[in-house]
N, C-alpha and C. Protein backbone atom coordinates (compact mmCIF):
# COMPACT_ATOMS: atom_id res chain seq x y z
N MET A 1 0.84 -1.18 0.00
CA MET A 1 0.00 0.00 0.00
C MET A 1 0.89 1.25 0.00
N GLU A 2 0.60 2.17 -0.88
CA GLU A 2 1.41 3.37 -1.03
C GLU A 2 0.93 4.44 -0.05
N GLU A 3 1.89 5.08 0.64
CA GLU A 3 1.52 6.10 1.61
C GLU A 3 1.32 7.45 0.92
N ALA A 4 0.42 8.24 1.49
CA ALA A 4 0.16 9.57 0.93
C ALA A 4 1.38 10.44 1.15
N ARG A 5 1.59 11.36 0.24
CA ARG A 5 2.74 12.27 0.31
C ARG A 5 2.67 13.10 1.59
N GLY A 6 3.76 13.15 2.33
CA GLY A 6 3.81 13.96 3.54
C GLY A 6 3.34 13.23 4.78
N SER A 7 2.84 12.01 4.65
CA SER A 7 2.39 11.29 5.85
C SER A 7 3.57 10.53 6.43
N TYR A 8 3.47 10.20 7.69
CA TYR A 8 4.53 9.51 8.38
C TYR A 8 4.25 8.01 8.41
N PRO A 9 5.29 7.17 8.44
CA PRO A 9 5.07 5.73 8.54
C PRO A 9 4.40 5.37 9.87
N ALA A 10 3.76 4.20 9.90
CA ALA A 10 3.07 3.76 11.11
C ALA A 10 4.06 3.69 12.27
N GLY A 11 3.66 4.13 13.44
CA GLY A 11 4.50 4.11 14.61
C GLY A 11 5.43 5.30 14.74
N PHE A 12 5.52 6.12 13.72
CA PHE A 12 6.39 7.30 13.75
C PHE A 12 5.60 8.47 14.34
N PRO A 13 6.18 9.22 15.27
CA PRO A 13 5.41 10.35 15.84
C PRO A 13 5.13 11.38 14.74
N ASN A 14 3.90 11.83 14.67
CA ASN A 14 3.51 12.75 13.61
C ASN A 14 3.54 14.21 14.05
N HIS A 15 4.31 14.49 15.07
CA HIS A 15 4.46 15.87 15.49
C HIS A 15 5.89 16.10 15.97
N VAL A 16 6.29 17.34 15.96
CA VAL A 16 7.63 17.71 16.41
C VAL A 16 7.52 18.15 17.87
N PRO A 17 8.32 17.59 18.75
CA PRO A 17 8.25 18.01 20.15
C PRO A 17 8.50 19.50 20.30
N GLU A 18 7.86 20.09 21.28
CA GLU A 18 7.92 21.53 21.51
C GLU A 18 9.35 22.04 21.64
N ASN A 19 10.23 21.29 22.32
CA ASN A 19 11.59 21.76 22.53
C ASN A 19 12.45 21.69 21.28
N LEU A 20 11.99 21.03 20.20
CA LEU A 20 12.76 20.94 18.96
C LEU A 20 12.23 21.87 17.87
N ARG A 21 11.15 22.56 18.15
CA ARG A 21 10.58 23.45 17.14
C ARG A 21 11.42 24.71 17.00
N MET A 22 11.53 25.19 15.80
CA MET A 22 12.24 26.44 15.53
C MET A 22 11.28 27.61 15.81
N PRO A 23 11.76 28.65 16.48
CA PRO A 23 10.89 29.81 16.68
C PRO A 23 10.67 30.50 15.34
N PRO A 24 9.50 31.13 15.17
CA PRO A 24 9.26 31.82 13.91
C PRO A 24 10.24 32.98 13.73
N ALA A 25 10.57 33.25 12.48
CA ALA A 25 11.49 34.36 12.19
C ALA A 25 10.83 35.67 12.61
N PRO A 26 11.58 36.57 13.23
CA PRO A 26 10.98 37.85 13.63
C PRO A 26 10.57 38.64 12.39
N ARG A 27 9.42 39.27 12.50
CA ARG A 27 8.92 40.08 11.38
C ARG A 27 9.35 41.52 11.59
N THR A 28 9.82 42.11 10.53
CA THR A 28 10.19 43.53 10.61
C THR A 28 9.28 44.31 9.67
N ARG A 29 8.96 45.49 10.07
CA ARG A 29 8.09 46.35 9.28
C ARG A 29 8.80 47.64 8.95
N LYS A 30 8.47 48.18 7.81
CA LYS A 30 8.96 49.50 7.46
C LYS A 30 8.06 50.52 8.15
N SER A 31 8.56 51.72 8.33
CA SER A 31 7.76 52.78 8.91
C SER A 31 6.60 53.09 7.98
N ALA A 32 5.48 53.39 8.58
CA ALA A 32 4.30 53.73 7.79
C ALA A 32 4.48 55.12 7.18
N ALA A 33 4.06 55.26 5.95
CA ALA A 33 4.11 56.56 5.30
C ALA A 33 3.01 57.44 5.89
N PRO A 34 3.25 58.73 6.07
CA PRO A 34 2.22 59.60 6.62
C PRO A 34 1.03 59.70 5.67
N HIS A 35 -0.16 59.73 6.23
CA HIS A 35 -1.37 59.83 5.44
C HIS A 35 -1.72 61.30 5.29
N VAL A 36 -1.38 61.86 4.15
CA VAL A 36 -1.66 63.27 3.90
C VAL A 36 -2.85 63.36 2.96
N GLY A 37 -3.91 64.03 3.42
CA GLY A 37 -5.07 64.25 2.58
C GLY A 37 -5.92 63.01 2.35
N ARG A 38 -5.71 61.97 3.12
CA ARG A 38 -6.51 60.76 2.96
C ARG A 38 -7.20 60.46 4.28
N SER A 39 -8.26 59.67 4.18
CA SER A 39 -8.96 59.22 5.38
C SER A 39 -8.45 57.84 5.74
N VAL A 40 -8.44 57.55 7.02
CA VAL A 40 -8.04 56.26 7.52
C VAL A 40 -9.18 55.73 8.37
N LYS A 41 -9.57 54.51 8.13
CA LYS A 41 -10.67 53.92 8.89
C LYS A 41 -10.16 53.50 10.27
N ALA A 42 -10.91 53.85 11.30
CA ALA A 42 -10.57 53.47 12.67
C ALA A 42 -11.86 52.99 13.34
N SER A 43 -11.71 52.11 14.30
CA SER A 43 -12.89 51.64 15.03
C SER A 43 -12.61 51.75 16.51
N LEU A 44 -13.67 51.85 17.30
CA LEU A 44 -13.52 51.94 18.73
C LEU A 44 -14.72 51.29 19.41
N LEU A 45 -14.52 50.85 20.62
CA LEU A 45 -15.59 50.26 21.41
C LEU A 45 -15.99 51.25 22.48
N VAL A 46 -17.30 51.49 22.59
CA VAL A 46 -17.83 52.36 23.64
C VAL A 46 -18.95 51.63 24.34
N ASP A 47 -19.22 52.02 25.58
CA ASP A 47 -20.31 51.37 26.30
C ASP A 47 -21.65 51.89 25.76
N VAL A 48 -22.73 51.23 26.14
CA VAL A 48 -24.05 51.55 25.61
C VAL A 48 -24.47 52.97 25.96
N GLU A 49 -24.22 53.39 27.20
CA GLU A 49 -24.61 54.73 27.62
C GLU A 49 -23.87 55.80 26.82
N THR A 50 -22.57 55.62 26.61
CA THR A 50 -21.79 56.58 25.83
C THR A 50 -22.29 56.64 24.40
N HIS A 51 -22.61 55.47 23.83
CA HIS A 51 -23.11 55.44 22.46
C HIS A 51 -24.44 56.19 22.35
N ALA A 52 -25.32 56.01 23.31
CA ALA A 52 -26.62 56.70 23.28
C ALA A 52 -26.43 58.21 23.38
N ARG A 53 -25.54 58.65 24.26
CA ARG A 53 -25.28 60.08 24.41
C ARG A 53 -24.61 60.64 23.17
N TRP A 54 -23.70 59.87 22.57
CA TRP A 54 -23.01 60.26 21.35
C TRP A 54 -24.01 60.44 20.21
N ALA A 55 -24.89 59.47 20.04
CA ALA A 55 -25.89 59.54 18.97
C ALA A 55 -26.83 60.72 19.19
N ALA A 56 -27.22 60.97 20.45
CA ALA A 56 -28.11 62.10 20.76
C ALA A 56 -27.42 63.43 20.45
N ALA A 57 -26.16 63.56 20.86
CA ALA A 57 -25.43 64.80 20.61
C ALA A 57 -25.27 65.05 19.11
N ALA A 58 -24.97 64.01 18.37
CA ALA A 58 -24.83 64.15 16.92
C ALA A 58 -26.17 64.54 16.29
N SER A 59 -27.24 63.93 16.75
CA SER A 59 -28.56 64.23 16.21
C SER A 59 -28.97 65.67 16.50
N LEU A 60 -28.68 66.14 17.70
CA LEU A 60 -29.01 67.53 18.05
C LEU A 60 -28.27 68.54 17.17
N ARG A 61 -27.10 68.17 16.70
CA ARG A 61 -26.32 69.04 15.81
C ARG A 61 -26.63 68.79 14.35
N GLY A 62 -27.48 67.81 14.06
CA GLY A 62 -27.81 67.50 12.67
C GLY A 62 -26.65 66.84 11.93
N MET A 63 -25.87 66.05 12.65
CA MET A 63 -24.69 65.40 12.08
C MET A 63 -24.82 63.89 12.20
N THR A 64 -23.99 63.18 11.44
CA THR A 64 -23.89 61.75 11.63
C THR A 64 -23.00 61.49 12.84
N ASN A 65 -23.08 60.28 13.38
CA ASN A 65 -22.21 59.92 14.51
C ASN A 65 -20.74 60.07 14.11
N ASN A 66 -20.41 59.66 12.89
CA ASN A 66 -19.02 59.74 12.43
C ASN A 66 -18.55 61.19 12.36
N ALA A 67 -19.36 62.06 11.77
CA ALA A 67 -18.96 63.47 11.64
C ALA A 67 -18.79 64.10 13.02
N PHE A 68 -19.67 63.75 13.96
CA PHE A 68 -19.56 64.28 15.32
C PHE A 68 -18.28 63.80 15.98
N ALA A 69 -17.97 62.51 15.82
CA ALA A 69 -16.76 61.94 16.43
C ALA A 69 -15.50 62.59 15.85
N VAL A 70 -15.48 62.79 14.53
CA VAL A 70 -14.31 63.41 13.89
C VAL A 70 -14.14 64.84 14.40
N GLU A 71 -15.23 65.58 14.51
CA GLU A 71 -15.15 66.96 15.00
C GLU A 71 -14.66 66.98 16.46
N ALA A 72 -15.17 66.07 17.28
CA ALA A 72 -14.77 66.02 18.68
C ALA A 72 -13.29 65.65 18.82
N LEU A 73 -12.84 64.70 18.01
CA LEU A 73 -11.42 64.32 18.06
C LEU A 73 -10.52 65.46 17.61
N LYS A 74 -10.91 66.13 16.53
CA LYS A 74 -10.10 67.26 16.06
C LYS A 74 -10.00 68.34 17.14
N GLU A 75 -11.10 68.61 17.81
CA GLU A 75 -11.11 69.62 18.88
C GLU A 75 -10.22 69.17 20.04
N ALA A 76 -10.31 67.90 20.41
CA ALA A 76 -9.52 67.38 21.53
C ALA A 76 -8.03 67.34 21.21
N LEU A 77 -7.68 67.19 19.93
CA LEU A 77 -6.29 67.06 19.52
C LEU A 77 -5.69 68.36 18.99
N ARG A 78 -6.40 69.45 19.13
CA ARG A 78 -5.97 70.72 18.54
C ARG A 78 -4.56 71.13 18.94
N GLY A 79 -4.15 70.97 20.16
CA GLY A 79 -2.83 71.41 20.61
C GLY A 79 -1.73 70.38 20.44
N ILE A 80 -2.04 69.20 19.94
CA ILE A 80 -1.06 68.13 19.79
C ILE A 80 -0.26 68.34 18.51
N ILE A 81 1.06 68.26 18.61
CA ILE A 81 1.94 68.41 17.45
C ILE A 81 2.66 67.09 17.23
N VAL A 82 2.65 66.60 16.00
CA VAL A 82 3.33 65.36 15.65
C VAL A 82 4.55 65.72 14.81
N VAL A 83 5.72 65.22 15.22
CA VAL A 83 6.96 65.50 14.50
C VAL A 83 7.43 64.20 13.86
N ASP A 84 7.67 64.26 12.57
CA ASP A 84 8.20 63.12 11.83
C ASP A 84 9.71 63.27 11.79
N ARG A 85 10.43 62.39 12.49
CA ARG A 85 11.88 62.52 12.61
C ARG A 85 12.63 61.64 11.61
N ARG A 86 11.90 61.06 10.65
CA ARG A 86 12.59 60.26 9.63
C ARG A 86 13.45 61.17 8.78
N LYS A 87 14.56 60.64 8.33
CA LYS A 87 15.42 61.40 7.43
C LYS A 87 14.91 61.20 6.01
N THR A 88 14.71 62.31 5.30
CA THR A 88 14.26 62.22 3.92
C THR A 88 15.45 62.45 3.00
N ALA A 89 15.36 61.90 1.79
CA ALA A 89 16.45 62.03 0.83
C ALA A 89 16.59 63.48 0.36
N ASN A 90 15.47 64.18 0.22
CA ASN A 90 15.48 65.54 -0.29
C ASN A 90 14.66 66.42 0.66
N PRO A 91 15.28 67.11 1.62
CA PRO A 91 14.52 67.91 2.57
C PRO A 91 13.75 69.05 1.92
N ASP A 92 14.15 69.49 0.70
CA ASP A 92 13.42 70.56 0.03
C ASP A 92 12.03 70.15 -0.39
N SER A 93 11.83 68.85 -0.61
CA SER A 93 10.53 68.39 -1.08
C SER A 93 9.63 67.98 0.07
N GLU A 94 10.09 68.15 1.30
CA GLU A 94 9.31 67.78 2.47
C GLU A 94 8.06 68.63 2.57
N LYS A 95 6.96 67.99 2.88
CA LYS A 95 5.69 68.70 2.97
C LYS A 95 5.25 68.83 4.42
N VAL A 96 4.55 69.90 4.72
CA VAL A 96 3.96 70.11 6.03
C VAL A 96 2.53 69.60 5.95
N SER A 97 1.96 69.18 7.08
CA SER A 97 0.67 68.51 7.07
C SER A 97 -0.48 69.35 6.54
N ASP A 98 -0.36 70.67 6.48
CA ASP A 98 -1.46 71.48 5.97
C ASP A 98 -1.42 71.62 4.44
N GLY A 99 -0.51 70.91 3.79
CA GLY A 99 -0.47 70.90 2.33
C GLY A 99 0.50 71.90 1.73
N THR A 100 1.12 72.75 2.54
CA THR A 100 2.09 73.70 2.00
C THR A 100 3.49 73.13 2.18
N SER A 101 4.40 73.56 1.37
CA SER A 101 5.77 73.04 1.50
C SER A 101 6.46 73.77 2.63
N SER A 102 7.53 73.16 3.14
CA SER A 102 8.25 73.76 4.26
C SER A 102 9.05 74.99 3.84
N GLN A 103 9.17 75.25 2.56
CA GLN A 103 9.93 76.40 2.06
C GLN A 103 9.10 77.69 2.08
N ASP A 104 7.77 77.59 2.29
CA ASP A 104 6.89 78.78 2.24
C ASP A 104 7.20 79.77 3.31
């Protein structure tokens, strides 16, 4: 009887003991490019009471929940400054987050 490809012979252990397994290779990631002028989807979990109050506040302003959340986040983050310390190949072409070049 012919054995299926990749199967082990009878009586042979069909698993590798934990102490003999190779650890997975570490994964490395490149830095994320800044999102200029694009939207990024984000999700969050809120409790039921917060969601009800959020929906009511958005409704009173005639806004969607998303538009209200974006406005609230922008207001809360108004004084926060983010500095990108990556070295660029050409500093003259570096852009500032408001869409103007750093040379202006």
